[in-house]
C-alpha cells in the first residue's frame, strides 16, 4: 500500500490534533519547498531519512519500444534518492 498525500495529512492531523485545513497547508508548503529546492538543482537532505539529488543524464542512444527503431534520447535531469544508513537499518530491523 502506498503512502499518499492524504494519508500524510491524516497522520499529521491525528498526531498534532490540528484542524485539517492547517494540516493540508503544512503538507502543501513542505512539498513546494522541496520542489523549489530540486528545481534549483540543490539537494534535499532529511537527517535520518535520506537525500534527494538532481542529476543530469547525458544524451544517449535508445530504442523506441513500439517500433524497435533506434533513436537519440536527449539529455535530461532526473531525481535520485539515497536513503540514510539510519533508515536502511530501520527497514532491515537492525
N, C-alpha and C. Protein backbone atom coordinates (compact mmCIF):
# COMPACT_ATOMS: atom_id res chain seq x y z
N UNK A 1 0.84 -1.19 0.00
CA UNK A 1 0.00 0.00 0.00
C UNK A 1 0.88 1.25 0.00
N UNK A 2 0.56 2.19 -0.84
CA UNK A 2 1.34 3.42 -0.96
C UNK A 2 0.87 4.45 0.07
N UNK A 3 1.82 5.24 0.54
CA UNK A 3 1.51 6.36 1.42
C UNK A 3 1.20 7.55 0.54
N UNK A 4 -0.02 8.06 0.61
CA UNK A 4 -0.44 9.16 -0.23
C UNK A 4 -0.38 10.48 0.54
N UNK A 5 -0.54 11.56 -0.20
CA UNK A 5 -0.56 12.88 0.44
C UNK A 5 -1.71 12.96 1.44
N UNK A 6 -2.84 12.37 1.10
CA UNK A 6 -3.99 12.35 2.01
C UNK A 6 -3.65 11.59 3.30
N UNK A 7 -2.94 10.45 3.17
CA UNK A 7 -2.53 9.69 4.35
C UNK A 7 -1.61 10.52 5.24
N UNK A 8 -0.70 11.25 4.62
CA UNK A 8 0.23 12.09 5.38
C UNK A 8 -0.54 13.16 6.13
N UNK A 9 -1.48 13.80 5.45
CA UNK A 9 -2.31 14.84 6.09
C UNK A 9 -3.09 14.24 7.25
N UNK A 10 -3.69 13.08 7.05
CA UNK A 10 -4.44 12.41 8.12
C UNK A 10 -3.55 12.10 9.32
N UNK A 11 -2.33 11.61 9.06
CA UNK A 11 -1.41 11.28 10.15
C UNK A 11 -0.99 12.52 10.92
N UNK A 12 -0.72 13.61 10.23
CA UNK A 12 -0.35 14.86 10.91
C UNK A 12 -1.52 15.35 11.76
N UNK A 13 -2.72 15.26 11.21
CA UNK A 13 -3.90 15.70 11.94
C UNK A 13 -4.09 14.87 13.21
N UNK A 14 -3.90 13.57 13.11
CA UNK A 14 -4.06 12.69 14.27
C UNK A 14 -2.96 12.91 15.32
N UNK A 15 -1.73 13.12 14.85
CA UNK A 15 -0.60 13.29 15.77
C UNK A 15 -0.63 14.63 16.48
N UNK A 16 -0.97 15.69 15.76
CA UNK A 16 -0.87 17.05 16.32
C UNK A 16 -2.21 17.64 16.73
N UNK A 17 -3.30 16.96 16.39
CA UNK A 17 -4.65 17.44 16.73
C UNK A 17 -4.87 18.86 16.22
N UNK A 18 -4.48 19.07 14.96
CA UNK A 18 -4.70 20.37 14.30
C UNK A 18 -5.89 20.26 13.35
N UNK A 19 -6.47 21.41 13.00
CA UNK A 19 -7.55 21.38 12.00
C UNK A 19 -7.03 20.84 10.67
N UNK A 20 -7.86 20.13 9.96
CA UNK A 20 -7.46 19.52 8.69
C UNK A 20 -6.93 20.56 7.71
N UNK A 21 -7.57 21.71 7.64
CA UNK A 21 -7.14 22.76 6.72
C UNK A 21 -5.70 23.17 6.99
N UNK A 22 -5.33 23.27 8.25
CA UNK A 22 -3.96 23.64 8.62
C UNK A 22 -2.97 22.53 8.23
N UNK A 23 -3.37 21.28 8.40
CA UNK A 23 -2.52 20.16 8.03
C UNK A 23 -2.29 20.11 6.52
N UNK A 24 -3.33 20.38 5.75
CA UNK A 24 -3.20 20.43 4.29
C UNK A 24 -2.21 21.54 3.92
N UNK A 25 -2.34 22.68 4.56
CA UNK A 25 -1.45 23.82 4.28
C UNK A 25 0.01 23.47 4.60
N UNK A 26 0.25 22.80 5.72
CA UNK A 26 1.60 22.40 6.11
C UNK A 26 2.22 21.48 5.07
N UNK A 27 1.47 20.47 4.65
CA UNK A 27 1.98 19.50 3.67
C UNK A 27 2.23 20.18 2.32
N UNK A 28 1.32 21.02 1.88
CA UNK A 28 1.49 21.71 0.60
C UNK A 28 2.71 22.62 0.62
N UNK A 29 2.93 23.34 1.72
CA UNK A 29 4.10 24.21 1.84
C UNK A 29 5.38 23.39 1.81
N UNK A 30 5.40 22.28 2.54
CA UNK A 30 6.59 21.42 2.56
C UNK A 30 6.91 20.90 1.16
N UNK A 31 5.91 20.44 0.44
CA UNK A 31 6.12 19.92 -0.91
C UNK A 31 6.63 21.01 -1.84
N UNK A 32 6.10 22.22 -1.72
CA UNK A 32 6.55 23.33 -2.56
C UNK A 32 8.00 23.68 -2.26
N UNK A 33 8.40 23.68 -1.00
CA UNK A 33 9.79 23.95 -0.62
C UNK A 33 10.71 22.91 -1.26
N UNK A 34 10.33 21.65 -1.18
CA UNK A 34 11.14 20.57 -1.75
C UNK A 34 11.22 20.73 -3.27
N UNK A 35 10.10 21.03 -3.93
CA UNK A 35 10.09 21.19 -5.39
C UNK A 35 10.97 22.35 -5.83
N UNK A 36 10.89 23.49 -5.13
CA UNK A 36 11.71 24.65 -5.49
C UNK A 36 13.19 24.34 -5.30
N UNK A 37 13.52 23.64 -4.24
CA UNK A 37 14.91 23.30 -3.97
C UNK A 37 15.45 22.40 -5.07
N UNK A 38 14.70 21.36 -5.45
CA UNK A 38 15.13 20.45 -6.50
C UNK A 38 15.16 21.16 -7.86
N UNK A 39 14.25 22.07 -8.08
CA UNK A 39 14.22 22.82 -9.34
C UNK A 39 15.52 23.60 -9.55
N UNK A 40 16.11 24.06 -8.45
CA UNK A 40 17.38 24.79 -8.50
C UNK A 40 18.58 23.85 -8.51
N UNK A 41 18.33 22.56 -8.66
CA UNK A 41 19.36 21.51 -8.66
C UNK A 41 20.11 21.41 -7.34
N UNK A 42 19.48 21.87 -6.25
CA UNK A 42 20.05 21.70 -4.91
C UNK A 42 19.57 20.38 -4.33
N UNK A 43 20.31 19.89 -3.34
CA UNK A 43 19.94 18.63 -2.69
C UNK A 43 18.96 18.89 -1.55
N UNK A 44 18.13 17.90 -1.27
CA UNK A 44 17.23 17.94 -0.12
C UNK A 44 17.69 16.83 0.81
N UNK A 45 18.26 17.21 1.94
CA UNK A 45 18.79 16.25 2.90
C UNK A 45 17.89 16.24 4.14
N UNK A 46 17.32 15.09 4.45
CA UNK A 46 16.50 14.92 5.64
C UNK A 46 17.25 13.95 6.54
N UNK A 47 17.83 14.47 7.62
CA UNK A 47 18.64 13.64 8.51
C UNK A 47 17.85 12.45 9.01
N UNK A 48 18.47 11.29 8.98
CA UNK A 48 17.83 10.07 9.44
C UNK A 48 16.88 9.45 8.43
N UNK A 49 16.71 10.11 7.29
CA UNK A 49 15.81 9.61 6.25
C UNK A 49 16.56 9.38 4.95
N UNK A 50 17.10 10.45 4.36
CA UNK A 50 17.85 10.28 3.12
C UNK A 50 18.04 11.59 2.40
N UNK A 51 18.55 11.48 1.17
CA UNK A 51 18.90 12.66 0.39
C UNK A 51 18.33 12.53 -1.03
N UNK A 52 17.63 13.58 -1.47
CA UNK A 52 17.15 13.68 -2.84
C UNK A 52 18.13 14.55 -3.61
N UNK A 53 18.57 14.08 -4.77
CA UNK A 53 19.53 14.81 -5.60
C UNK A 53 19.02 14.90 -7.02
N UNK A 54 19.39 15.98 -7.70
CA UNK A 54 19.10 16.12 -9.12
C UNK A 54 20.39 15.82 -9.87
N UNK A 55 20.33 14.87 -10.78
CA UNK A 55 21.49 14.54 -11.60
C UNK A 55 21.11 14.67 -13.07
N UNK A 56 22.12 14.93 -13.89
CA UNK A 56 21.87 15.05 -15.32
C UNK A 56 22.29 13.78 -16.03
N UNK A 57 21.40 13.28 -16.85
CA UNK A 57 21.72 12.14 -17.71
C UNK A 57 22.14 12.68 -19.06
N UNK A 58 23.20 12.14 -19.60
CA UNK A 58 23.69 12.57 -20.90
C UNK A 58 22.77 12.06 -22.00
N UNK A 59 22.89 12.71 -23.16
CA UNK A 59 22.16 12.21 -24.34
C UNK A 59 22.71 10.83 -24.67
N UNK A 60 21.84 9.94 -25.10
CA UNK A 60 22.30 8.57 -25.37
C UNK A 60 21.42 7.94 -26.44
N UNK A 61 21.94 6.85 -26.99
CA UNK A 61 21.15 6.08 -27.96
C UNK A 61 20.10 5.27 -27.21
N UNK A 62 18.95 5.16 -27.82
CA UNK A 62 17.88 4.36 -27.24
C UNK A 62 17.11 3.68 -28.35
N UNK A 63 16.07 3.00 -27.96
CA UNK A 63 15.26 2.30 -28.94
C UNK A 63 13.79 2.55 -28.60
N UNK A 64 13.00 2.85 -29.63
CA UNK A 64 11.57 3.02 -29.46
C UNK A 64 10.97 1.63 -29.26
N UNK A 65 10.37 1.36 -28.08
CA UNK A 65 9.85 0.01 -27.84
C UNK A 65 8.69 -0.38 -28.74
N UNK A 66 7.96 0.60 -29.24
CA UNK A 66 6.82 0.29 -30.10
C UNK A 66 7.26 -0.10 -31.51
N UNK A 67 8.27 0.61 -32.03
CA UNK A 67 8.68 0.35 -33.42
C UNK A 67 9.99 -0.43 -33.52
N UNK A 68 10.78 -0.40 -32.45
CA UNK A 68 12.08 -1.07 -32.48
C UNK A 68 13.16 -0.24 -33.16
N UNK A 69 12.83 0.97 -33.61
CA UNK A 69 13.79 1.83 -34.29
C UNK A 69 14.72 2.51 -33.29
N UNK A 70 15.99 2.65 -33.69
CA UNK A 70 16.96 3.37 -32.88
C UNK A 70 16.62 4.86 -32.89
N UNK A 71 16.94 5.52 -31.78
CA UNK A 71 16.70 6.96 -31.68
C UNK A 71 17.66 7.55 -30.67
N UNK A 72 17.80 8.86 -30.67
CA UNK A 72 18.65 9.54 -29.69
C UNK A 72 17.74 10.11 -28.59
N UNK A 73 18.09 9.79 -27.37
CA UNK A 73 17.37 10.35 -26.22
C UNK A 73 18.13 11.59 -25.77
N UNK A 74 17.42 12.68 -25.60
CA UNK A 74 18.05 13.94 -25.21
C UNK A 74 18.53 13.88 -23.77
N UNK A 75 19.48 14.77 -23.43
CA UNK A 75 19.92 14.84 -22.04
C UNK A 75 18.73 15.32 -21.20
N UNK A 76 18.73 14.91 -19.94
CA UNK A 76 17.61 15.27 -19.07
C UNK A 76 18.06 15.23 -17.62
N UNK A 77 17.28 15.83 -16.78
CA UNK A 77 17.53 15.81 -15.35
C UNK A 77 16.63 14.78 -14.72
N UNK A 78 17.17 14.03 -13.75
CA UNK A 78 16.39 13.06 -13.01
C UNK A 78 16.63 13.26 -11.52
N UNK A 79 15.67 12.86 -10.73
CA UNK A 79 15.79 12.94 -9.29
C UNK A 79 16.13 11.56 -8.76
N UNK A 80 17.16 11.50 -7.93
CA UNK A 80 17.54 10.24 -7.30
C UNK A 80 17.38 10.38 -5.79
N UNK A 81 17.22 9.25 -5.14
CA UNK A 81 17.09 9.23 -3.68
C UNK A 81 18.07 8.22 -3.12
N UNK A 82 18.81 8.63 -2.12
CA UNK A 82 19.71 7.72 -1.42
C UNK A 82 19.30 7.72 0.05
N UNK A 83 18.88 6.57 0.52
CA UNK A 83 18.40 6.51 1.91
C UNK A 83 19.59 6.55 2.87
N UNK A 84 19.34 7.07 4.05
CA UNK A 84 20.38 7.15 5.06
C UNK A 84 20.61 5.77 5.68
N UNK A 85 21.76 5.61 6.31
CA UNK A 85 22.04 4.33 6.97
C UNK A 85 21.06 4.10 8.12
N UNK A 86 20.59 5.16 8.73
CA UNK A 86 19.60 5.03 9.82
C UNK A 86 18.33 4.41 9.28
N UNK A 87 17.84 4.90 8.14
CA UNK A 87 16.62 4.35 7.53
C UNK A 87 16.85 2.93 7.05
N UNK A 88 18.01 2.70 6.42
CA UNK A 88 18.33 1.35 5.91
C UNK A 88 18.33 0.34 7.06
N UNK A 89 18.94 0.69 8.19
CA UNK A 89 18.97 -0.20 9.35
C UNK A 89 17.58 -0.39 9.94
N UNK A 90 16.77 0.66 9.97
CA UNK A 90 15.42 0.59 10.50
C UNK A 90 14.57 -0.38 9.68
N UNK A 91 14.68 -0.26 8.35
CA UNK A 91 13.90 -1.11 7.47
C UNK A 91 14.33 -2.57 7.58
N UNK A 92 15.63 -2.79 7.72
CA UNK A 92 16.12 -4.16 7.80
C UNK A 92 16.03 -4.74 9.22
N UNK A 93 15.49 -3.96 10.15
CA UNK A 93 15.25 -4.47 11.50
C UNK A 93 16.48 -4.53 12.40
N UNK A 94 17.46 -3.74 12.12
CA UNK A 94 18.69 -3.75 12.94
C UNK A 94 18.69 -2.66 13.95
